[in-house]
C-alpha cells in the first residue's frame, strides 16, 4: 500500500481526483452514493462515462452483492452529477480510510452536496418494508471513527462539529419533493453497526431504546468525513426489511435486493426531483 499518513492521504485523493478530471469534461457539484439494489439510477444518466473503481487510484473494489463498483459521471436533466454505483463497507475487511476515500476524492473533484443512500432495516414500526426515510441524525455504533489518526487540516478540523450532519434545509427539500410525488417520507435516526451479521432481536431492542428508527452497516463513516470537509449531506434510507424481532420473518440479502428493485421507480423519481431543486 502507498505511504500512510495525512499528507499521503491528501495527495492520493488529489491524484484520484485528477484521474477523474481526465476522464470527463463535466464538472459535477452533486454526488450520490447508491446503496444495495439502488444502483440502477445511474444507468439513466445522459452523456455518461462509467469508470470502474479498479481504474481509479486509491479506490478499492466492492465485494457485496448489489454493488456494481463503478463511478458514473453524467447528466440528470442537464445537471452534471457523479454517482457511485455501490460502495465498499467496513465489514468487507476494508479500513474506514479505504471506505471513505471516495468521499475525500469527490470533495477534491469539486463536489459540495453529497446524497447518501442505503438499504436499511426498519425499527420504527411505521417504517414498513419499501418505505423511504430521510436521515435526520445518526448513531455511530461501529466501534471506530473514520477521522481516527493523524489529521490533515486541508481536509478539515481535527474536531469537526457534528450538530447538524444532515442538512435540515435539505431534509425539508426531500420531504417536500416526496409529497409532490404522492409519497410519504418520514424523518428518522439511522444507527450504523459494523456487520456483516444482521442484528439480534435483543440488539434491536437496545437500538430502539437508543432512539434509532432504522439500522444498517454503512453511510455514517461517509457522512462524518463529508461533514469534516464541509459538504452538504442528504441521507435517504430505503427500508428493505423489518429488523429482527420487529417481524417474525427471517432476514436475507435477497429480500433486501428485491425490495430495492420494487421501490426503484419511486426512488429514482425522488432523486431526480431533489437534484433539479438543489441550490
C-alpha atoms as a PDB file:
ATOM      1  CA  UNK A   1       0.000   0.000   0.000  1.00  0.00           C
ATOM      2  CA  UNK A   2       1.069   3.597  -0.584  1.00  0.00           C
ATOM      3  CA  UNK A   3       2.739   5.612   2.151  1.00  0.00           C
ATOM      4  CA  UNK A   4       0.428   6.192   5.110  1.00  0.00           C
ATOM      5  CA  UNK A   5      -0.235   9.443   6.970  1.00  0.00           C
ATOM      6  CA  UNK A   6      -2.294  12.572   6.459  1.00  0.00           C
ATOM      7  CA  UNK A   7      -0.134  14.116   3.723  1.00  0.00           C
ATOM      8  CA  UNK A   8      -0.074  10.858   1.790  1.00  0.00           C
ATOM      9  CA  UNK A   9      -3.865  10.536   2.093  1.00  0.00           C
ATOM     10  CA  UNK A  10      -4.485  14.046   0.735  1.00  0.00           C
ATOM     11  CA  UNK A  11      -2.026  13.527  -2.102  1.00  0.00           C
ATOM     12  CA  UNK A  12      -3.622  10.204  -3.019  1.00  0.00           C
ATOM     13  CA  UNK A  13      -7.092  11.751  -3.031  1.00  0.00           C
ATOM     14  CA  UNK A  14      -5.866  14.624  -5.209  1.00  0.00           C
ATOM     15  CA  UNK A  15      -4.260  12.131  -7.595  1.00  0.00           C
ATOM     16  CA  UNK A  16      -7.547  10.216  -7.841  1.00  0.00           C
ATOM     17  CA  UNK A  17      -9.460  13.461  -8.479  1.00  0.00           C
ATOM     18  CA  UNK A  18      -7.023  14.402 -11.259  1.00  0.00           C
ATOM     19  CA  UNK A  19      -7.555  10.989 -12.814  1.00  0.00           C
ATOM     20  CA  UNK A  20     -11.314  11.544 -12.846  1.00  0.00           C
ATOM     21  CA  UNK A  21     -10.940  15.003 -14.394  1.00  0.00           C
ATOM     22  CA  UNK A  22      -9.015  13.361 -17.197  1.00  0.00           C
ATOM     23  CA  UNK A  23     -11.948  11.037 -17.979  1.00  0.00           C
ATOM     24  CA  UNK A  24     -14.718  13.630 -18.391  1.00  0.00           C
ATOM     25  CA  UNK A  25     -15.268  17.245 -19.325  1.00  0.00           C
ATOM     26  CA  UNK A  26     -18.186  17.556 -16.889  1.00  0.00           C
ATOM     27  CA  UNK A  27     -17.702  19.358 -13.580  1.00  0.00           C
ATOM     28  CA  UNK A  28     -20.277  17.902 -11.159  1.00  0.00           C
ATOM     29  CA  UNK A  29     -21.066  19.601  -7.857  1.00  0.00           C
ATOM     30  CA  UNK A  30     -23.505  16.898  -6.743  1.00  0.00           C
ATOM     31  CA  UNK A  31     -22.627  13.283  -5.963  1.00  0.00           C
ATOM     32  CA  UNK A  32     -24.777  10.309  -4.985  1.00  0.00           C
ATOM     33  CA  UNK A  33     -23.735   7.086  -3.274  1.00  0.00           C
ATOM     34  CA  UNK A  34     -26.188   4.411  -4.413  1.00  0.00           C
ATOM     35  CA  UNK A  35     -26.718   1.625  -1.888  1.00  0.00           C
ATOM     36  CA  UNK A  36     -27.779  -2.026  -2.181  1.00  0.00           C
ATOM     37  CA  UNK A  37     -30.194  -2.591  -5.050  1.00  0.00           C
ATOM     38  CA  UNK A  38     -30.361   1.133  -5.891  1.00  0.00           C
ATOM     39  CA  UNK A  39     -27.555   1.412  -8.446  1.00  0.00           C
ATOM     40  CA  UNK A  40     -29.897   1.409 -11.449  1.00  0.00           C
ATOM     41  CA  UNK A  41     -30.477   5.160 -11.170  1.00  0.00           C
ATOM     42  CA  UNK A  42     -27.019   5.878 -12.599  1.00  0.00           C
ATOM     43  CA  UNK A  43     -27.931   3.983 -15.761  1.00  0.00           C
ATOM     44  CA  UNK A  44     -30.382   6.789 -16.602  1.00  0.00           C
ATOM     45  CA  UNK A  45     -27.664   9.467 -16.806  1.00  0.00           C
ATOM     46  CA  UNK A  46     -27.123  11.270 -20.098  1.00  0.00           C
ATOM     47  CA  UNK A  47     -23.681  11.824 -21.663  1.00  0.00           C
ATOM     48  CA  UNK A  48     -22.335   9.389 -19.110  1.00  0.00           C
ATOM     49  CA  UNK A  49     -18.921   7.852 -18.621  1.00  0.00           C
ATOM     50  CA  UNK A  50     -18.543   4.804 -16.379  1.00  0.00           C
ATOM     51  CA  UNK A  51     -15.238   4.395 -14.558  1.00  0.00           C
ATOM     52  CA  UNK A  52     -14.708   1.096 -12.697  1.00  0.00           C
ATOM     53  CA  UNK A  53     -13.280   1.575  -9.217  1.00  0.00           C
ATOM     54  CA  UNK A  54     -10.277  -0.546 -10.164  1.00  0.00           C
ATOM     55  CA  UNK A  55      -9.295   2.179 -12.659  1.00  0.00           C
ATOM     56  CA  UNK A  56      -9.336   4.952 -10.043  1.00  0.00           C
ATOM     57  CA  UNK A  57      -6.133   5.219  -7.972  1.00  0.00           C
ATOM     58  CA  UNK A  58      -6.815   4.517  -4.308  1.00  0.00           C
ATOM     59  CA  UNK A  59     -10.309   3.091  -4.793  1.00  0.00           C
ATOM     60  CA  UNK A  60     -10.912  -0.490  -3.692  1.00  0.00           C
ATOM     61  CA  UNK A  61     -13.483  -2.862  -5.185  1.00  0.00           C
ATOM     62  CA  UNK A  62     -16.788  -3.774  -3.610  1.00  0.00           C
ATOM     63  CA  UNK A  63     -17.407  -7.446  -2.887  1.00  0.00           C
ATOM     64  CA  UNK A  64     -21.040  -7.045  -1.772  1.00  0.00           C
ATOM     65  CA  UNK A  65     -23.929  -8.262  -3.921  1.00  0.00           C
ATOM     66  CA  UNK A  66     -25.805  -5.369  -5.498  1.00  0.00           C
ATOM     67  CA  UNK A  67     -22.805  -3.019  -5.560  1.00  0.00           C
ATOM     68  CA  UNK A  68     -21.537  -2.709  -9.149  1.00  0.00           C
ATOM     69  CA  UNK A  69     -18.343  -0.868  -8.277  1.00  0.00           C
ATOM     70  CA  UNK A  70     -18.263   1.941 -10.838  1.00  0.00           C
ATOM     71  CA  UNK A  71     -18.268   5.723 -10.686  1.00  0.00           C
ATOM     72  CA  UNK A  72     -20.692   7.200 -13.212  1.00  0.00           C
ATOM     73  CA  UNK A  73     -20.306  10.840 -14.248  1.00  0.00           C
ATOM     74  CA  UNK A  74     -23.102  12.171 -16.428  1.00  0.00           C
ATOM     75  CA  UNK A  75     -26.135  14.429 -16.526  1.00  0.00           C
ATOM     76  CA  UNK A  76     -29.515  14.367 -14.827  1.00  0.00           C
ATOM     77  CA  UNK A  77     -31.812  16.806 -16.637  1.00  0.00           C
ATOM     78  CA  UNK A  78     -28.695  18.566 -17.923  1.00  0.00           C
ATOM     79  CA  UNK A  79     -27.184  18.849 -14.418  1.00  0.00           C
ATOM     80  CA  UNK A  80     -23.724  17.240 -14.051  1.00  0.00           C
ATOM     81  CA  UNK A  81     -23.789  14.521 -11.388  1.00  0.00           C
ATOM     82  CA  UNK A  82     -21.356  11.892 -10.122  1.00  0.00           C
ATOM     83  CA  UNK A  83     -22.776   8.625  -8.809  1.00  0.00           C
ATOM     84  CA  UNK A  84     -21.109   5.750  -7.025  1.00  0.00           C
ATOM     85  CA  UNK A  85     -22.776   2.540  -8.161  1.00  0.00           C
ATOM     86  CA  UNK A  86     -22.234   0.778  -4.893  1.00  0.00           C
ATOM     87  CA  UNK A  87     -19.881   1.396  -2.005  1.00  0.00           C
ATOM     88  CA  UNK A  88     -17.349  -0.585  -0.010  1.00  0.00           C
ATOM     89  CA  UNK A  89     -18.091  -1.480   3.582  1.00  0.00           C
ATOM     90  CA  UNK A  90     -16.167  -1.871   6.816  1.00  0.00           C
ATOM     91  CA  UNK A  91     -17.465  -5.457   7.086  1.00  0.00           C
ATOM     92  CA  UNK A  92     -15.709  -6.397   3.835  1.00  0.00           C
ATOM     93  CA  UNK A  93     -12.414  -6.088   5.692  1.00  0.00           C
ATOM     94  CA  UNK A  94     -11.504  -2.615   4.469  1.00  0.00           C
ATOM     95  CA  UNK A  95     -10.329   0.130   6.797  1.00  0.00           C
ATOM     96  CA  UNK A  96     -12.544   3.172   7.260  1.00  0.00           C
ATOM     97  CA  UNK A  97      -9.870   5.179   5.451  1.00  0.00           C
ATOM     98  CA  UNK A  98     -10.451   2.957   2.411  1.00  0.00           C
ATOM     99  CA  UNK A  99     -14.232   3.067   2.867  1.00  0.00           C
ATOM    100  CA  UNK A 100     -14.278   6.871   2.912  1.00  0.00           C
ATOM    101  CA  UNK A 101     -11.506   7.521   0.382  1.00  0.00           C
ATOM    102  CA  UNK A 102     -14.040   8.010  -2.452  1.00  0.00           C
ATOM    103  CA  UNK A 103     -15.734  10.768  -0.428  1.00  0.00           C
ATOM    104  CA  UNK A 104     -12.376  12.518   0.027  1.00  0.00           C
ATOM    105  CA  UNK A 105     -11.796  12.235  -3.705  1.00  0.00           C
ATOM    106  CA  UNK A 106     -15.238  13.564  -4.599  1.00  0.00           C
ATOM    107  CA  UNK A 107     -14.681  16.626  -2.426  1.00  0.00           C
ATOM    108  CA  UNK A 108     -11.402  17.373  -4.203  1.00  0.00           C
ATOM    109  CA  UNK A 109     -13.184  16.823  -7.513  1.00  0.00           C
ATOM    110  CA  UNK A 110     -15.419  19.766  -6.607  1.00  0.00           C
ATOM    111  CA  UNK A 111     -18.462  18.084  -5.042  1.00  0.00           C
ATOM    112  CA  UNK A 112     -20.216  20.207  -2.423  1.00  0.00           C
ATOM    113  CA  UNK A 113     -23.502  18.280  -1.986  1.00  0.00           C
ATOM    114  CA  UNK A 114     -23.467  14.565  -1.190  1.00  0.00           C
ATOM    115  CA  UNK A 115     -26.562  12.344  -1.301  1.00  0.00           C
ATOM    116  CA  UNK A 116     -26.034   9.128   0.649  1.00  0.00           C
ATOM    117  CA  UNK A 117     -28.495   6.286   0.098  1.00  0.00           C
ATOM    118  CA  UNK A 118     -28.694   2.872   1.694  1.00  0.00           C
ATOM    119  CA  UNK A 119     -30.809  -0.181   2.303  1.00  0.00           C
ATOM    120  CA  UNK A 120     -31.790  -0.376   5.959  1.00  0.00           C
ATOM    121  CA  UNK A 121     -33.765  -2.443   8.419  1.00  0.00           C
ATOM    122  CA  UNK A 122     -36.831  -0.784   9.907  1.00  0.00           C
ATOM    123  CA  UNK A 123     -37.018  -0.428  13.686  1.00  0.00           C
ATOM    124  CA  UNK A 124     -39.853   2.099  13.866  1.00  0.00           C
ATOM    125  CA  UNK A 125     -42.967   0.036  13.119  1.00  0.00           C
ATOM    126  CA  UNK A 126     -44.326   2.894  10.971  1.00  0.00           C
ATOM    127  CA  UNK A 127     -41.401   2.372   8.581  1.00  0.00           C
ATOM    128  CA  UNK A 128     -42.782  -0.611   6.729  1.00  0.00           C
ATOM    129  CA  UNK A 129     -40.969  -2.569   4.038  1.00  0.00           C
ATOM    130  CA  UNK A 130     -40.463  -0.375   0.968  1.00  0.00           C
ATOM    131  CA  UNK A 131     -40.739   2.917   2.874  1.00  0.00           C
ATOM    132  CA  UNK A 132     -38.225   5.736   2.416  1.00  0.00           C
ATOM    133  CA  UNK A 133     -36.700   7.553   5.383  1.00  0.00           C
ATOM    134  CA  UNK A 134     -34.733  10.785   5.244  1.00  0.00           C
ATOM    135  CA  UNK A 135     -31.976  10.623   7.846  1.00  0.00           C
ATOM    136  CA  UNK A 136     -32.213  13.370  10.453  1.00  0.00           C
ATOM    137  CA  UNK A 137     -29.318  12.147  12.612  1.00  0.00           C
ATOM    138  CA  UNK A 138     -27.267   9.033  13.222  1.00  0.00           C
ATOM    139  CA  UNK A 139     -25.779   6.769  15.850  1.00  0.00           C
ATOM    140  CA  UNK A 140     -22.237   5.614  15.114  1.00  0.00           C
ATOM    141  CA  UNK A 141     -22.123   2.183  16.775  1.00  0.00           C
ATOM    142  CA  UNK A 142     -19.420   0.733  14.529  1.00  0.00           C
ATOM    143  CA  UNK A 143     -16.835   0.980  17.288  1.00  0.00           C
ATOM    144  CA  UNK A 144     -14.482   3.219  15.298  1.00  0.00           C
ATOM    145  CA  UNK A 145     -14.448   6.710  13.788  1.00  0.00           C
ATOM    146  CA  UNK A 146     -13.170   7.409  10.245  1.00  0.00           C
ATOM    147  CA  UNK A 147     -11.303  10.513  11.490  1.00  0.00           C
ATOM    148  CA  UNK A 148      -9.179   8.475  13.897  1.00  0.00           C
ATOM    149  CA  UNK A 149      -5.442   9.018  13.409  1.00  0.00           C
ATOM    150  CA  UNK A 150      -3.365  11.944  12.207  1.00  0.00           C
ATOM    151  CA  UNK A 151      -5.379  14.835  10.761  1.00  0.00           C
ATOM    152  CA  UNK A 152      -4.612  16.942   7.701  1.00  0.00           C
ATOM    153  CA  UNK A 153      -6.126  20.411   8.132  1.00  0.00           C
ATOM    154  CA  UNK A 154      -6.600  20.632   4.366  1.00  0.00           C
ATOM    155  CA  UNK A 155      -9.442  18.150   4.766  1.00  0.00           C
ATOM    156  CA  UNK A 156     -10.911  19.944   7.762  1.00  0.00           C
ATOM    157  CA  UNK A 157     -10.564  20.463  11.529  1.00  0.00           C
ATOM    158  CA  UNK A 158      -9.308  17.882  13.991  1.00  0.00           C
ATOM    159  CA  UNK A 159     -12.583  18.068  15.958  1.00  0.00           C
ATOM    160  CA  UNK A 160     -15.381  18.823  13.469  1.00  0.00           C
ATOM    161  CA  UNK A 161     -18.806  19.764  14.813  1.00  0.00           C
ATOM    162  CA  UNK A 162     -21.492  17.128  14.232  1.00  0.00           C
ATOM    163  CA  UNK A 163     -24.519  19.070  15.472  1.00  0.00           C
ATOM    164  CA  UNK A 164     -26.081  19.016  12.010  1.00  0.00           C
ATOM    165  CA  UNK A 165     -24.532  16.240   9.949  1.00  0.00           C
ATOM    166  CA  UNK A 166     -27.548  16.031   7.647  1.00  0.00           C
ATOM    167  CA  UNK A 167     -28.661  19.439   6.401  1.00  0.00           C
ATOM    168  CA  UNK A 168     -32.033  20.410   7.898  1.00  0.00           C
ATOM    169  CA  UNK A 169     -32.761  22.556   4.860  1.00  0.00           C
ATOM    170  CA  UNK A 170     -32.134  19.632   2.523  1.00  0.00           C
ATOM    171  CA  UNK A 171     -34.183  17.268   4.706  1.00  0.00           C
ATOM    172  CA  UNK A 172     -37.103  19.624   4.142  1.00  0.00           C
ATOM    173  CA  UNK A 173     -36.415  19.611   0.399  1.00  0.00           C
ATOM    174  CA  UNK A 174     -36.571  15.801   0.343  1.00  0.00           C
ATOM    175  CA  UNK A 175     -39.889  15.659   2.227  1.00  0.00           C
ATOM    176  CA  UNK A 176     -41.408  18.400   0.043  1.00  0.00           C
ATOM    177  CA  UNK A 177     -40.435  16.680  -3.200  1.00  0.00           C
ATOM    178  CA  UNK A 178     -41.734  13.354  -1.870  1.00  0.00           C
ATOM    179  CA  UNK A 179     -45.114  14.979  -1.192  1.00  0.00           C
ATOM    180  CA  UNK A 180     -45.223  16.206  -4.784  1.00  0.00           C
ATOM    181  CA  UNK A 181     -44.802  12.592  -5.882  1.00  0.00           C
ATOM    182  CA  UNK A 182     -47.547  11.476  -3.505  1.00  0.00           C
ATOM    183  CA  UNK A 183     -45.051   9.615  -1.326  1.00  0.00           C
ATOM    184  CA  UNK A 184     -44.614   9.975   2.417  1.00  0.00           C
ATOM    185  CA  UNK A 185     -41.006  10.153   3.563  1.00  0.00           C
ATOM    186  CA  UNK A 186     -40.511  10.059   7.310  1.00  0.00           C
ATOM    187  CA  UNK A 187     -37.517  11.543   9.105  1.00  0.00           C
ATOM    188  CA  UNK A 188     -35.582   9.242  11.387  1.00  0.00           C
ATOM    189  CA  UNK A 189     -32.355   8.331  13.119  1.00  0.00           C
ATOM    190  CA  UNK A 190     -30.096   5.805  11.407  1.00  0.00           C
ATOM    191  CA  UNK A 191     -27.905   3.507  13.500  1.00  0.00           C
ATOM    192  CA  UNK A 192     -24.758   2.088  11.879  1.00  0.00           C
ATOM    193  CA  UNK A 193     -23.286  -1.202  13.095  1.00  0.00           C
ATOM    194  CA  UNK A 194     -20.194  -2.952  11.800  1.00  0.00           C
ATOM    195  CA  UNK A 195     -21.938  -6.089  10.481  1.00  0.00           C
ATOM    196  CA  UNK A 196     -21.950  -8.272   8.471  1.00  0.00           C
ATOM    197  CA  UNK A 197     -24.347 -10.375  10.558  1.00  0.00           C
ATOM    198  CA  UNK A 198     -27.810  -8.944  10.929  1.00  0.00           C
ATOM    199  CA  UNK A 199     -28.714  -7.740  14.395  1.00  0.00           C
ATOM    200  CA  UNK A 200     -30.298  -9.928  17.071  1.00  0.00           C
ATOM    201  CA  UNK A 201     -33.729  -9.078  18.489  1.00  0.00           C
ATOM    202  CA  UNK A 202     -32.018  -8.025  21.736  1.00  0.00           C
ATOM    203  CA  UNK A 203     -29.736  -5.656  19.823  1.00  0.00           C
ATOM    204  CA  UNK A 204     -32.729  -4.171  18.018  1.00  0.00           C
ATOM    205  CA  UNK A 205     -34.457  -3.685  21.374  1.00  0.00           C
ATOM    206  CA  UNK A 206     -31.345  -1.806  22.548  1.00  0.00           C
ATOM    207  CA  UNK A 207     -31.257   0.332  19.393  1.00  0.00           C
ATOM    208  CA  UNK A 208     -34.920   1.222  19.798  1.00  0.00           C
ATOM    209  CA  UNK A 209     -34.184   2.333  23.372  1.00  0.00           C
ATOM    210  CA  UNK A 210     -31.354   4.474  21.992  1.00  0.00           C
ATOM    211  CA  UNK A 211     -33.814   6.215  19.667  1.00  0.00           C
ATOM    212  CA  UNK A 212     -32.896   4.547  16.369  1.00  0.00           C
ATOM    213  CA  UNK A 213     -35.569   4.291  13.684  1.00  0.00           C
ATOM    214  CA  UNK A 214     -33.549   2.250  11.165  1.00  0.00           C
ATOM    215  CA  UNK A 215     -30.342   0.246  11.173  1.00  0.00           C
ATOM    216  CA  UNK A 216     -27.659  -0.569   8.619  1.00  0.00           C
ATOM    217  CA  UNK A 217     -23.960  -1.150   8.006  1.00  0.00           C
ATOM    218  CA  UNK A 218     -22.870   1.916   6.034  1.00  0.00           C
ATOM    219  CA  UNK A 219     -23.392   5.648   5.429  1.00  0.00           C
ATOM    220  CA  UNK A 220     -22.262   7.031   8.800  1.00  0.00           C
ATOM    221  CA  UNK A 221     -18.483   6.951   8.119  1.00  0.00           C
ATOM    222  CA  UNK A 222     -19.090   8.677   4.774  1.00  0.00           C
ATOM    223  CA  UNK A 223     -21.301  11.309   6.401  1.00  0.00           C
ATOM    224  CA  UNK A 224     -18.740  12.067   9.122  1.00  0.00           C
ATOM    225  CA  UNK A 225     -15.952  12.548   6.593  1.00  0.00           C
ATOM    226  CA  UNK A 226     -18.198  14.646   4.338  1.00  0.00           C
ATOM    227  CA  UNK A 227     -19.115  16.970   7.182  1.00  0.00           C
ATOM    228  CA  UNK A 228     -15.470  17.364   8.207  1.00  0.00           C
ATOM    229  CA  UNK A 229     -14.911  18.631   4.657  1.00  0.00           C
ATOM    230  CA  UNK A 230     -17.970  20.925   4.892  1.00  0.00           C
ATOM    231  CA  UNK A 231     -20.054  19.125   2.306  1.00  0.00           C
ATOM    232  CA  UNK A 232     -23.846  19.418   2.462  1.00  0.00           C
ATOM    233  CA  UNK A 233     -25.186  15.940   3.221  1.00  0.00           C
ATOM    234  CA  UNK A 234     -28.525  14.281   2.489  1.00  0.00           C
ATOM    235  CA  UNK A 235     -29.181  10.760   3.772  1.00  0.00           C
ATOM    236  CA  UNK A 236     -32.010   8.577   2.481  1.00  0.00           C
ATOM    237  CA  UNK A 237     -32.707   5.017   3.640  1.00  0.00           C
ATOM    238  CA  UNK A 238     -34.798   2.530   1.735  1.00  0.00           C
ATOM    239  CA  UNK A 239     -36.410   0.247   4.324  1.00  0.00           C
ATOM    240  CA  UNK A 240     -35.913  -3.118   2.671  1.00  0.00           C
ATOM    241  CA  UNK A 241     -36.835  -5.322   5.635  1.00  0.00           C
ATOM    242  CA  UNK A 242     -38.097  -5.098   9.173  1.00  0.00           C
ATOM    243  CA  UNK A 243     -35.335  -5.570  11.733  1.00  0.00           C
ATOM    244  CA  UNK A 244     -35.020  -8.747  13.786  1.00  0.00           C
ATOM    245  CA  UNK A 245     -37.766  -9.100  16.370  1.00  0.00           C
ATOM    246  CA  UNK A 246     -39.947  -6.440  14.720  1.00  0.00           C
ATOM    247  CA  UNK A 247     -41.477  -9.104  12.495  1.00  0.00           C
ATOM    248  CA  UNK A 248     -41.410 -12.884  12.667  1.00  0.00           C
ATOM    249  CA  UNK A 249     -39.719 -13.242   9.273  1.00  0.00           C
ATOM    250  CA  UNK A 250     -36.070 -14.175   8.943  1.00  0.00           C
ATOM    251  CA  UNK A 251     -33.827 -11.681   7.137  1.00  0.00           C
ATOM    252  CA  UNK A 252     -31.835 -12.385   3.985  1.00  0.00           C
ATOM    253  CA  UNK A 253     -29.930 -10.233   1.497  1.00  0.00           C
ATOM    254  CA  UNK A 254     -32.037 -11.404  -1.438  1.00  0.00           C
ATOM    255  CA  UNK A 255     -35.060  -9.770   0.192  1.00  0.00           C
ATOM    256  CA  UNK A 256     -33.053  -6.563   0.504  1.00  0.00           C
ATOM    257  CA  UNK A 257     -32.255  -6.624  -3.220  1.00  0.00           C
ATOM    258  CA  UNK A 258     -35.835  -7.433  -4.247  1.00  0.00           C
ATOM    259  CA  UNK A 259     -37.305  -4.611  -2.183  1.00  0.00           C
ATOM    260  CA  UNK A 260     -34.771  -2.169  -3.622  1.00  0.00           C
ATOM    261  CA  UNK A 261     -35.948  -3.144  -7.097  1.00  0.00           C
ATOM    262  CA  UNK A 262     -39.627  -2.701  -6.159  1.00  0.00           C
ATOM    263  CA  UNK A 263     -39.146   0.883  -4.993  1.00  0.00           C
ATOM    264  CA  UNK A 264     -36.684   1.764  -7.767  1.00  0.00           C
ATOM    265  CA  UNK A 265     -39.094   3.883  -9.818  1.00  0.00           C
ATOM    266  CA  UNK A 266     -40.297   5.961  -6.861  1.00  0.00           C
ATOM    267  CA  UNK A 267     -36.787   6.270  -5.505  1.00  0.00           C
ATOM    268  CA  UNK A 268     -35.277   7.414  -8.792  1.00  0.00           C
ATOM    269  CA  UNK A 269     -38.103   9.881  -9.380  1.00  0.00           C
ATOM    270  CA  UNK A 270     -37.407  11.365  -5.961  1.00  0.00           C
ATOM    271  CA  UNK A 271     -33.662  11.570  -6.574  1.00  0.00           C
ATOM    272  CA  UNK A 272     -34.239  13.286  -9.912  1.00  0.00           C
ATOM    273  CA  UNK A 273     -36.514  15.880  -8.330  1.00  0.00           C
ATOM    274  CA  UNK A 274     -34.055  16.517  -5.493  1.00  0.00           C
ATOM    275  CA  UNK A 275     -31.168  17.037  -7.904  1.00  0.00           C
ATOM    276  CA  UNK A 276     -33.083  19.519 -10.028  1.00  0.00           C
ATOM    277  CA  UNK A 277     -34.138  21.520  -6.949  1.00  0.00           C
ATOM    278  CA  UNK A 278     -30.789  21.710  -5.171  1.00  0.00           C
ATOM    279  CA  UNK A 279     -29.352  25.232  -4.806  1.00  0.00           C
END
